Amino acid sequence: VLGLLVWTLIAGTEYFLYPAFGWVMFVAVFYWVLTVFFLIIYMTMTYTRIPQVPWTTVGLCFNGSAFILYLIAAIVDASSVTKELDSHNYNSWAASSFFAFVVTSCYAGNTYFSFISWRSRTSQ
């Protein structure tokens, strides 16, 4: 939900005039789609039907890459928000920056728990 909020706050503005916001949009939409995809896989328990896939490793890689790229996108988003650009879009961009950091912290927590799960799985 928070990732959806990030990209809808940016998509409602003239973000295409500023390449930095294009990067933030790419990261936000890409990881939102992948998160929904993995949510559907886990809710339908499809992962139990595909035992060949190391799901703990996939989860660790997904969450780790989401954390790193969202951190970069959140920093780019925050550094691109200035009053001089366009005051009409300022509030949306500032809010998207805040929520990008919230999503980053969520992915950081998920990465930590995925690492704990992966480590306990590999030590057995």
C-alpha atoms as a PDB file:
ATOM      1  CA  VAL A   1       0.000   0.000   0.000  1.00  0.00           C
ATOM      2  CA  LEU A   2       2.820   2.413   0.850  1.00  0.00           C
ATOM      3  CA  GLY A   3       4.642   1.666  -2.396  1.00  0.00           C
ATOM      4  CA  LEU A   4       1.430   2.345  -4.293  1.00  0.00           C
ATOM      5  CA  LEU A   5       1.186   5.646  -2.468  1.00  0.00           C
ATOM      6  CA  VAL A   6       4.727   6.612  -3.518  1.00  0.00           C
ATOM      7  CA  TRP A   7       4.146   6.190  -7.207  1.00  0.00           C
ATOM      8  CA  THR A   8       0.621   7.603  -7.268  1.00  0.00           C
ATOM      9  CA  LEU A   9       1.832  10.773  -5.522  1.00  0.00           C
ATOM     10  CA  ILE A  10       4.466  11.218  -8.217  1.00  0.00           C
ATOM     11  CA  ALA A  11       2.294  10.059 -11.125  1.00  0.00           C
ATOM     12  CA  GLY A  12      -0.245  12.783 -10.374  1.00  0.00           C
ATOM     13  CA  THR A  13       2.334  15.466 -11.175  1.00  0.00           C
ATOM     14  CA  GLU A  14       4.461  16.512 -14.149  1.00  0.00           C
ATOM     15  CA  TYR A  15       7.235  14.142 -13.078  1.00  0.00           C
ATOM     16  CA  PHE A  16       8.310  13.456 -16.667  1.00  0.00           C
ATOM     17  CA  LEU A  17       9.912  16.921 -16.818  1.00  0.00           C
ATOM     18  CA  TYR A  18      12.473  15.835 -14.206  1.00  0.00           C
ATOM     19  CA  PRO A  19      14.501  12.662 -14.891  1.00  0.00           C
ATOM     20  CA  ALA A  20      15.091  12.031 -11.180  1.00  0.00           C
ATOM     21  CA  PHE A  21      11.390  11.472 -10.611  1.00  0.00           C
ATOM     22  CA  GLY A  22      11.331   9.089 -13.577  1.00  0.00           C
ATOM     23  CA  TRP A  23      13.860   6.906 -11.735  1.00  0.00           C
ATOM     24  CA  VAL A  24      11.761   7.000  -8.567  1.00  0.00           C
ATOM     25  CA  MET A  25       8.683   6.043 -10.595  1.00  0.00           C
ATOM     26  CA  PHE A  26      10.523   3.117 -12.184  1.00  0.00           C
ATOM     27  CA  VAL A  27      11.682   1.737  -8.827  1.00  0.00           C
ATOM     28  CA  ALA A  28       8.311   2.286  -7.147  1.00  0.00           C
ATOM     29  CA  VAL A  29       6.227   0.695  -9.920  1.00  0.00           C
ATOM     30  CA  PHE A  30       8.689  -2.148 -10.553  1.00  0.00           C
ATOM     31  CA  TYR A  31       8.845  -3.223  -6.923  1.00  0.00           C
ATOM     32  CA  TRP A  32       5.137  -2.658  -6.386  1.00  0.00           C
ATOM     33  CA  VAL A  33       4.354  -5.070  -9.235  1.00  0.00           C
ATOM     34  CA  LEU A  34       6.888  -7.629  -7.972  1.00  0.00           C
ATOM     35  CA  THR A  35       5.592  -7.337  -4.415  1.00  0.00           C
ATOM     36  CA  VAL A  36       2.028  -7.970  -5.581  1.00  0.00           C
ATOM     37  CA  PHE A  37       3.296 -10.914  -7.642  1.00  0.00           C
ATOM     38  CA  PHE A  38       5.051 -12.487  -4.639  1.00  0.00           C
ATOM     39  CA  LEU A  39       2.060 -11.731  -2.419  1.00  0.00           C
ATOM     40  CA  ILE A  40      -0.182 -13.681  -4.792  1.00  0.00           C
ATOM     41  CA  ILE A  41       2.333 -16.560  -4.898  1.00  0.00           C
ATOM     42  CA  TYR A  42       2.397 -16.757  -1.099  1.00  0.00           C
ATOM     43  CA  MET A  43      -1.343 -16.275  -0.590  1.00  0.00           C
ATOM     44  CA  THR A  44      -2.209 -19.014  -3.088  1.00  0.00           C
ATOM     45  CA  MET A  45       0.590 -21.206  -1.671  1.00  0.00           C
ATOM     46  CA  THR A  46       1.981 -21.702  -5.171  1.00  0.00           C
ATOM     47  CA  TYR A  47       5.463 -21.877  -3.671  1.00  0.00           C
ATOM     48  CA  THR A  48       4.611 -25.309  -2.214  1.00  0.00           C
ATOM     49  CA  ARG A  49       3.970 -26.620  -5.730  1.00  0.00           C
ATOM     50  CA  ILE A  50       7.379 -25.466  -6.982  1.00  0.00           C
ATOM     51  CA  PRO A  51       9.870 -26.994  -4.515  1.00  0.00           C
ATOM     52  CA  GLN A  52      12.792 -26.639  -6.957  1.00  0.00           C
ATOM     53  CA  VAL A  53      12.935 -22.885  -6.325  1.00  0.00           C
ATOM     54  CA  PRO A  54      14.909 -21.868  -3.211  1.00  0.00           C
ATOM     55  CA  TRP A  55      12.227 -19.497  -1.918  1.00  0.00           C
ATOM     56  CA  THR A  56      14.235 -18.252   1.068  1.00  0.00           C
ATOM     57  CA  THR A  57      17.067 -17.194  -1.248  1.00  0.00           C
ATOM     58  CA  VAL A  58      14.618 -15.621  -3.698  1.00  0.00           C
ATOM     59  CA  GLY A  59      13.009 -13.685  -0.851  1.00  0.00           C
ATOM     60  CA  LEU A  60      16.374 -12.513   0.456  1.00  0.00           C
ATOM     61  CA  CYS A  61      17.513 -11.346  -2.988  1.00  0.00           C
ATOM     62  CA  PHE A  62      14.198  -9.641  -3.706  1.00  0.00           C
ATOM     63  CA  ASN A  63      14.009  -7.829  -0.373  1.00  0.00           C
ATOM     64  CA  GLY A  64      17.698  -6.899  -0.423  1.00  0.00           C
ATOM     65  CA  SER A  65      17.530  -5.452  -3.918  1.00  0.00           C
ATOM     66  CA  ALA A  66      14.271  -3.654  -3.090  1.00  0.00           C
ATOM     67  CA  PHE A  67      15.888  -2.125   0.002  1.00  0.00           C
ATOM     68  CA  ILE A  68      18.968  -0.907  -1.874  1.00  0.00           C
ATOM     69  CA  LEU A  69      17.139   0.483  -4.907  1.00  0.00           C
ATOM     70  CA  TYR A  70      14.367   2.035  -2.810  1.00  0.00           C
ATOM     71  CA  LEU A  71      16.992   3.668  -0.582  1.00  0.00           C
ATOM     72  CA  ILE A  72      18.652   5.178  -3.649  1.00  0.00           C
ATOM     73  CA  ALA A  73      15.262   6.241  -5.035  1.00  0.00           C
ATOM     74  CA  ALA A  74      14.212   7.789  -1.720  1.00  0.00           C
ATOM     75  CA  ILE A  75      17.439   9.788  -1.507  1.00  0.00           C
ATOM     76  CA  VAL A  76      17.069  10.921  -5.126  1.00  0.00           C
ATOM     77  CA  ASP A  77      13.429  11.804  -4.456  1.00  0.00           C
ATOM     78  CA  ALA A  78      14.251  13.809  -1.338  1.00  0.00           C
ATOM     79  CA  SER A  79      17.136  15.645  -2.970  1.00  0.00           C
ATOM     80  CA  SER A  80      15.013  16.570  -5.998  1.00  0.00           C
ATOM     81  CA  VAL A  81      12.203  18.189  -4.031  1.00  0.00           C
ATOM     82  CA  THR A  82      12.671  21.946  -3.912  1.00  0.00           C
ATOM     83  CA  LYS A  83      10.265  24.849  -3.807  1.00  0.00           C
ATOM     84  CA  GLU A  84      11.865  26.348  -6.915  1.00  0.00           C
ATOM     85  CA  LEU A  85      10.906  23.484  -9.226  1.00  0.00           C
ATOM     86  CA  ASP A  86       7.143  23.790  -9.170  1.00  0.00           C
ATOM     87  CA  SER A  87       5.208  24.792  -6.082  1.00  0.00           C
ATOM     88  CA  HIS A  88       2.098  23.104  -7.488  1.00  0.00           C
ATOM     89  CA  ASN A  89       3.810  19.696  -7.267  1.00  0.00           C
ATOM     90  CA  TYR A  90       5.853  20.401  -4.123  1.00  0.00           C
ATOM     91  CA  ASN A  91       3.451  18.806  -1.612  1.00  0.00           C
ATOM     92  CA  SER A  92       3.011  15.625  -3.654  1.00  0.00           C
ATOM     93  CA  TRP A  93       6.744  15.252  -4.182  1.00  0.00           C
ATOM     94  CA  ALA A  94       7.514  15.914  -0.524  1.00  0.00           C
ATOM     95  CA  ALA A  95       4.916  13.355   0.567  1.00  0.00           C
ATOM     96  CA  SER A  96       6.263  10.811  -1.919  1.00  0.00           C
ATOM     97  CA  SER A  97       9.736  11.355  -0.495  1.00  0.00           C
ATOM     98  CA  PHE A  98       8.504  10.704   3.032  1.00  0.00           C
ATOM     99  CA  PHE A  99       6.649   7.545   2.035  1.00  0.00           C
ATOM    100  CA  ALA A 100       9.638   6.351  -0.028  1.00  0.00           C
ATOM    101  CA  PHE A 101      11.709   6.360   3.169  1.00  0.00           C
ATOM    102  CA  VAL A 102       8.907   4.531   5.004  1.00  0.00           C
ATOM    103  CA  VAL A 103       8.815   1.876   2.265  1.00  0.00           C
ATOM    104  CA  THR A 104      12.613   1.658   2.432  1.00  0.00           C
ATOM    105  CA  SER A 105      12.450   0.927   6.146  1.00  0.00           C
ATOM    106  CA  CYS A 106       9.795  -1.737   5.534  1.00  0.00           C
ATOM    107  CA  TYR A 107      11.989  -3.445   2.942  1.00  0.00           C
ATOM    108  CA  ALA A 108      14.959  -3.154   5.326  1.00  0.00           C
ATOM    109  CA  GLY A 109      12.987  -5.003   7.996  1.00  0.00           C
ATOM    110  CA  ASN A 110      11.895  -7.597   5.485  1.00  0.00           C
ATOM    111  CA  THR A 111      15.503  -8.031   4.367  1.00  0.00           C
ATOM    112  CA  TYR A 112      16.574  -8.628   7.954  1.00  0.00           C
ATOM    113  CA  PHE A 113      13.900 -11.267   8.537  1.00  0.00           C
ATOM    114  CA  SER A 114      14.601 -12.869   5.145  1.00  0.00           C
ATOM    115  CA  PHE A 115      18.276 -13.071   6.085  1.00  0.00           C
ATOM    116  CA  ILE A 116      17.450 -14.726   9.423  1.00  0.00           C
ATOM    117  CA  SER A 117      15.213 -17.224   7.615  1.00  0.00           C
ATOM    118  CA  TRP A 118      17.835 -17.867   4.926  1.00  0.00           C
ATOM    119  CA  ARG A 119      20.600 -18.337   7.487  1.00  0.00           C
ATOM    120  CA  SER A 120      18.568 -20.778   9.565  1.00  0.00           C
ATOM    121  CA  ARG A 121      17.653 -22.696   6.402  1.00  0.00           C
ATOM    122  CA  THR A 122      21.253 -22.974   5.184  1.00  0.00           C
ATOM    123  CA  SER A 123      22.671 -24.003   8.550  1.00  0.00           C
ATOM    124  CA  GLN A 124      20.467 -27.113   8.695  1.00  0.00           C
END
